[in-house]
Amino acid sequence: MTTDITNIPLNKLTAWEGNVRRTQNKRIDELAASIEAHGLLQSLVVRKDGKKFAVVAGNRRLEGIRLLTEGL
């Protein structure tokens, strides 16, 4: 199995509307702190959605990354 890794700008990523998790997680700040300390340990899984890319796996990680980049 081959895995393709592509860097995609953060502003091109959106949450996938088919995501089964509907609850709001109040621990995104802890996840963001972990990402800041250790880096992103697992990649986001995305699929092309028009001009954007929908995150089909890793929406919490996406929110953590967005929290880290606020104000940059």
N, C-alpha and C. Protein backbone atom coordinates (compact mmCIF):
# COMPACT_ATOMS: atom_id res chain seq x y z
N MET A 1 0.84 -1.18 0.00
CA MET A 1 0.00 0.00 0.00
C MET A 1 0.88 1.24 0.00
N THR A 2 0.56 2.18 -0.84
CA THR A 2 1.32 3.42 -0.95
C THR A 2 0.54 4.56 -0.31
N THR A 3 1.23 5.35 0.47
CA THR A 3 0.62 6.52 1.10
C THR A 3 1.24 7.76 0.50
N ASP A 4 0.42 8.65 -0.01
CA ASP A 4 0.91 9.90 -0.55
C ASP A 4 0.76 10.98 0.52
N ILE A 5 1.81 11.72 0.77
CA ILE A 5 1.77 12.81 1.73
C ILE A 5 1.95 14.10 0.95
N THR A 6 1.01 15.01 1.15
CA THR A 6 1.02 16.30 0.48
C THR A 6 0.79 17.39 1.51
N ASN A 7 1.55 18.45 1.45
CA ASN A 7 1.33 19.59 2.32
C ASN A 7 0.24 20.46 1.73
N ILE A 8 -0.77 20.75 2.54
CA ILE A 8 -1.91 21.56 2.11
C ILE A 8 -2.01 22.76 3.05
N PRO A 9 -2.15 23.97 2.51
CA PRO A 9 -2.29 25.15 3.38
C PRO A 9 -3.52 25.01 4.29
N LEU A 10 -3.38 25.49 5.51
CA LEU A 10 -4.45 25.39 6.50
C LEU A 10 -5.76 26.01 6.02
N ASN A 11 -5.67 27.10 5.26
CA ASN A 11 -6.89 27.77 4.81
C ASN A 11 -7.63 26.98 3.72
N LYS A 12 -7.03 25.90 3.23
CA LYS A 12 -7.69 25.05 2.23
C LYS A 12 -8.37 23.84 2.87
N LEU A 13 -8.28 23.69 4.20
CA LEU A 13 -8.87 22.55 4.90
C LEU A 13 -10.20 22.92 5.53
N THR A 14 -11.17 22.04 5.39
CA THR A 14 -12.47 22.22 6.03
C THR A 14 -12.85 20.91 6.72
N ALA A 15 -13.74 21.03 7.69
CA ALA A 15 -14.25 19.83 8.35
C ALA A 15 -15.20 19.11 7.40
N TRP A 16 -15.14 17.80 7.37
CA TRP A 16 -16.02 17.01 6.52
C TRP A 16 -17.39 16.92 7.17
N GLU A 17 -18.42 17.20 6.42
CA GLU A 17 -19.78 17.21 6.97
C GLU A 17 -20.28 15.82 7.32
N GLY A 18 -19.64 14.79 6.81
CA GLY A 18 -20.03 13.42 7.11
C GLY A 18 -19.40 12.87 8.38
N ASN A 19 -18.67 13.72 9.11
CA ASN A 19 -18.01 13.27 10.34
C ASN A 19 -19.05 12.78 11.33
N VAL A 20 -18.82 11.60 11.90
CA VAL A 20 -19.79 11.01 12.82
C VAL A 20 -19.74 11.62 14.20
N ARG A 21 -18.65 12.25 14.57
CA ARG A 21 -18.56 12.87 15.89
C ARG A 21 -19.27 14.21 15.87
N ARG A 22 -20.27 14.33 16.71
CA ARG A 22 -21.05 15.57 16.76
C ARG A 22 -20.87 16.32 18.07
N THR A 23 -20.23 15.72 19.06
CA THR A 23 -20.07 16.37 20.35
C THR A 23 -18.90 17.34 20.31
N GLN A 24 -19.04 18.42 21.04
CA GLN A 24 -17.95 19.38 21.14
C GLN A 24 -16.97 18.90 22.20
N ASN A 25 -15.70 18.86 21.87
CA ASN A 25 -14.69 18.42 22.81
C ASN A 25 -14.05 19.63 23.46
N LYS A 26 -14.14 19.70 24.75
CA LYS A 26 -13.61 20.85 25.48
C LYS A 26 -12.12 20.74 25.75
N ARG A 27 -11.48 19.67 25.29
CA ARG A 27 -10.07 19.45 25.57
C ARG A 27 -9.18 19.75 24.36
N ILE A 28 -9.66 20.55 23.45
CA ILE A 28 -8.86 20.90 22.27
C ILE A 28 -7.60 21.64 22.69
N ASP A 29 -7.68 22.44 23.76
CA ASP A 29 -6.49 23.16 24.22
C ASP A 29 -5.39 22.19 24.67
N GLU A 30 -5.77 21.07 25.28
CA GLU A 30 -4.78 20.06 25.67
C GLU A 30 -4.16 19.39 24.44
N LEU A 31 -5.00 19.11 23.45
CA LEU A 31 -4.49 18.53 22.21
C LEU A 31 -3.55 19.50 21.51
N ALA A 32 -3.91 20.78 21.49
CA ALA A 32 -3.06 21.80 20.87
C ALA A 32 -1.71 21.87 21.59
N ALA A 33 -1.72 21.79 22.91
CA ALA A 33 -0.47 21.82 23.68
C ALA A 33 0.39 20.60 23.34
N SER A 34 -0.22 19.45 23.15
CA SER A 34 0.51 18.24 22.78
C SER A 34 1.12 18.38 21.39
N ILE A 35 0.34 18.93 20.46
CA ILE A 35 0.85 19.14 19.10
C ILE A 35 2.02 20.11 19.13
N GLU A 36 1.90 21.15 19.94
CA GLU A 36 2.98 22.12 20.04
C GLU A 36 4.25 21.49 20.63
N ALA A 37 4.08 20.63 21.63
CA ALA A 37 5.24 20.02 22.30
C ALA A 37 5.88 18.90 21.49
N HIS A 38 5.04 18.09 20.82
CA HIS A 38 5.55 16.88 20.18
C HIS A 38 5.41 16.87 18.66
N GLY A 39 4.71 17.85 18.11
CA GLY A 39 4.44 17.86 16.68
C GLY A 39 3.19 17.04 16.39
N LEU A 40 2.79 17.06 15.17
CA LEU A 40 1.62 16.30 14.73
C LEU A 40 2.07 14.86 14.50
N LEU A 41 1.63 13.95 15.38
CA LEU A 41 2.11 12.57 15.34
C LEU A 41 1.36 11.71 14.34
N GLN A 42 0.17 12.13 13.96
CA GLN A 42 -0.61 11.39 12.97
C GLN A 42 -1.18 12.38 11.97
N SER A 43 -0.99 12.10 10.71
CA SER A 43 -1.44 13.01 9.65
C SER A 43 -2.95 13.08 9.58
N LEU A 44 -3.44 14.18 9.00
CA LEU A 44 -4.85 14.31 8.70
C LEU A 44 -5.14 13.53 7.42
N VAL A 45 -6.32 12.97 7.33
CA VAL A 45 -6.75 12.28 6.11
C VAL A 45 -7.78 13.19 5.44
N VAL A 46 -7.52 13.56 4.19
CA VAL A 46 -8.39 14.51 3.50
C VAL A 46 -8.82 13.95 2.15
N ARG A 47 -9.86 14.55 1.62
CA ARG A 47 -10.25 14.26 0.24
C ARG A 47 -10.64 15.59 -0.41
N LYS A 48 -10.42 15.64 -1.70
CA LYS A 48 -10.71 16.85 -2.47
C LYS A 48 -12.20 17.15 -2.40
N ASP A 49 -12.53 18.41 -2.13
CA ASP A 49 -13.92 18.84 -2.03
C ASP A 49 -14.03 20.20 -2.71
N GLY A 50 -14.15 20.18 -4.04
CA GLY A 50 -14.16 21.43 -4.80
C GLY A 50 -12.77 22.04 -4.79
N LYS A 51 -12.69 23.30 -4.36
CA LYS A 51 -11.39 23.98 -4.28
C LYS A 51 -10.73 23.78 -2.92
N LYS A 52 -11.40 23.10 -2.02
CA LYS A 52 -10.89 22.84 -0.67
C LYS A 52 -10.64 21.35 -0.49
N PHE A 53 -10.17 20.99 0.70
CA PHE A 53 -9.96 19.60 1.07
C PHE A 53 -10.71 19.35 2.37
N ALA A 54 -11.59 18.36 2.36
CA ALA A 54 -12.37 18.02 3.54
C ALA A 54 -11.57 17.03 4.39
N VAL A 55 -11.46 17.32 5.68
CA VAL A 55 -10.75 16.44 6.61
C VAL A 55 -11.70 15.34 7.03
N VAL A 56 -11.45 14.13 6.54
CA VAL A 56 -12.33 12.99 6.85
C VAL A 56 -11.86 12.23 8.09
N ALA A 57 -10.61 12.41 8.47
CA ALA A 57 -10.08 11.82 9.70
C ALA A 57 -9.07 12.79 10.29
N GLY A 58 -9.38 13.26 11.49
CA GLY A 58 -8.46 14.18 12.16
C GLY A 58 -9.04 15.55 12.42
N ASN A 59 -10.36 15.65 12.54
CA ASN A 59 -10.97 16.96 12.74
C ASN A 59 -10.53 17.60 14.06
N ARG A 60 -10.36 16.80 15.12
CA ARG A 60 -9.87 17.35 16.39
C ARG A 60 -8.45 17.89 16.23
N ARG A 61 -7.62 17.16 15.49
CA ARG A 61 -6.25 17.63 15.23
C ARG A 61 -6.28 18.93 14.44
N LEU A 62 -7.18 19.01 13.47
CA LEU A 62 -7.34 20.24 12.69
C LEU A 62 -7.69 21.41 13.62
N GLU A 63 -8.62 21.20 14.53
CA GLU A 63 -9.00 22.26 15.46
C GLU A 63 -7.83 22.64 16.38
N GLY A 64 -7.05 21.65 16.80
CA GLY A 64 -5.88 21.93 17.61
C GLY A 64 -4.85 22.77 16.85
N ILE A 65 -4.63 22.44 15.60
CA ILE A 65 -3.69 23.21 14.77
C ILE A 65 -4.22 24.63 14.57
N ARG A 66 -5.50 24.76 14.33
CA ARG A 66 -6.09 26.11 14.16
C ARG A 66 -5.93 26.93 15.43
N LEU A 67 -6.11 26.28 16.59
CA LEU A 67 -5.94 26.98 17.86
C LEU A 67 -4.51 27.49 18.00
N LEU A 68 -3.55 26.67 17.60
CA LEU A 68 -2.14 27.08 17.68
C LEU A 68 -1.78 28.21 16.73
N THR A 69 -2.46 28.29 15.60
CA THR A 69 -2.10 29.28 14.59
C THR A 69 -2.94 30.56 14.68
N GLU A 70 -3.87 30.63 15.61
CA GLU A 70 -4.67 31.86 15.76
C GLU A 70 -3.76 33.04 16.03
N GLY A 71 -3.99 34.10 15.34
CA GLY A 71 -3.23 35.31 15.55
C GLY A 71 -1.89 35.37 14.82
N LEU A 72 -1.57 34.34 14.05
CA LEU A 72 -0.30 34.39 13.30
C LEU A 72 -0.46 35.16 12.02
